[in-house]
């Protein structure tokens, strides 16, 4: 019976490789590594979103009234529920 640590494979690790991460909802991230170009981490990250990505207005409509953002035409900004009620936007 052999004792001690098992022998480690002497093949060097690859110098260029990619890693693909898939998140829920069809979103994927592809991390590109080239240890000769940048030894500390990925040199490029590609993010692809699903086609069912909702716009700001669609996301805002799903929130309760007190958490929505309301458009203030005087200064072209969005304000919270309390401020919108003070300004008479609601």
Protein backbone atom coordinates (compact mmCIF):
# COMPACT_ATOMS: atom_id res chain seq x y z
CA UNK A 1 0.00 0.00 0.00
CA UNK A 2 1.38 3.43 -0.99
CA UNK A 3 1.61 6.14 1.59
CA UNK A 4 1.79 9.93 1.42
CA UNK A 5 0.33 12.37 -1.03
CA UNK A 6 -0.70 11.23 -4.48
CA UNK A 7 1.56 12.34 -7.32
CA UNK A 8 0.51 15.57 -9.01
CA UNK A 9 0.21 15.67 -12.79
CA UNK A 10 3.23 17.59 -14.14
CA UNK A 11 1.40 19.09 -17.14
CA UNK A 12 1.46 22.92 -17.01
CA UNK A 13 -1.91 24.68 -16.76
CA UNK A 14 -3.26 26.27 -19.98
CA UNK A 15 -2.18 29.84 -20.67
CA UNK A 16 -5.36 30.82 -22.58
CA UNK A 17 -8.87 29.72 -21.66
CA UNK A 18 -12.45 30.93 -21.24
CA UNK A 19 -15.04 30.38 -18.54
CA UNK A 20 -18.78 30.64 -19.18
CA UNK A 21 -21.20 31.45 -16.35
CA UNK A 22 -24.94 31.03 -16.97
CA UNK A 23 -27.34 32.84 -14.64
CA UNK A 24 -31.08 32.43 -14.33
CA UNK A 25 -33.20 34.14 -16.94
CA UNK A 26 -30.91 33.41 -19.89
CA UNK A 27 -28.08 35.75 -18.91
CA UNK A 28 -24.54 34.54 -19.66
CA UNK A 29 -21.08 35.88 -18.87
CA UNK A 30 -17.98 34.76 -20.75
CA UNK A 31 -14.65 35.47 -19.07
CA UNK A 32 -11.58 35.36 -21.35
CA UNK A 33 -8.19 34.68 -19.78
CA UNK A 34 -4.73 35.03 -21.36
CA UNK A 35 -2.06 34.72 -18.70
CA UNK A 36 0.63 35.97 -21.10
CA UNK A 37 -1.31 39.20 -21.74
CA UNK A 38 -2.69 39.83 -18.22
CA UNK A 39 -1.61 37.46 -15.42
CA UNK A 40 -3.95 38.75 -12.67
CA UNK A 41 -7.37 37.83 -14.09
CA UNK A 42 -9.59 38.02 -17.17
CA UNK A 43 -8.66 40.56 -19.82
CA UNK A 44 -12.17 40.63 -21.32
CA UNK A 45 -15.66 39.87 -19.99
CA UNK A 46 -18.65 39.57 -22.33
CA UNK A 47 -22.12 39.88 -20.83
CA UNK A 48 -25.18 38.80 -22.82
CA UNK A 49 -28.67 39.50 -21.57
CA UNK A 50 -31.79 37.65 -22.61
CA UNK A 51 -34.18 39.26 -25.07
CA UNK A 52 -36.86 39.43 -22.39
CA UNK A 53 -34.96 42.14 -20.52
CA UNK A 54 -37.56 44.60 -19.17
CA UNK A 55 -37.35 48.36 -19.61
CA UNK A 56 -37.40 50.83 -16.73
CA UNK A 57 -41.10 51.58 -17.21
CA UNK A 58 -42.01 47.87 -17.12
CA UNK A 59 -40.00 47.28 -13.96
CA UNK A 60 -41.48 50.40 -12.36
CA UNK A 61 -45.05 49.23 -13.11
CA UNK A 62 -44.45 46.00 -11.20
CA UNK A 63 -43.42 47.81 -7.99
CA UNK A 64 -45.84 49.02 -5.29
CA UNK A 65 -46.80 52.72 -5.43
CA UNK A 66 -44.51 53.69 -2.55
CA UNK A 67 -41.40 52.20 -4.20
CA UNK A 68 -41.92 53.56 -7.71
CA UNK A 69 -40.05 56.49 -9.22
CA UNK A 70 -42.08 59.37 -10.67
CA UNK A 71 -40.93 61.78 -13.39
CA UNK A 72 -40.63 65.46 -12.43
CA UNK A 73 -40.91 67.55 -15.64
CA UNK A 74 -39.57 70.72 -13.95
CA UNK A 75 -36.02 69.41 -13.57
CA UNK A 76 -36.17 66.29 -15.80
CA UNK A 77 -35.43 63.91 -12.93
CA UNK A 78 -37.15 61.02 -11.20
CA UNK A 79 -38.32 61.44 -7.62
CA UNK A 80 -39.61 59.08 -4.94
CA UNK A 81 -43.19 58.62 -3.80
CA UNK A 82 -43.09 61.12 -0.92
CA UNK A 83 -41.60 63.94 -2.99
CA UNK A 84 -43.94 63.24 -5.91
CA UNK A 85 -46.89 63.53 -3.56
CA UNK A 86 -45.57 66.87 -2.20
CA UNK A 87 -45.14 68.24 -5.73
CA UNK A 88 -48.60 67.07 -6.77
CA UNK A 89 -47.36 64.67 -9.43
CA UNK A 90 -49.59 61.87 -8.10
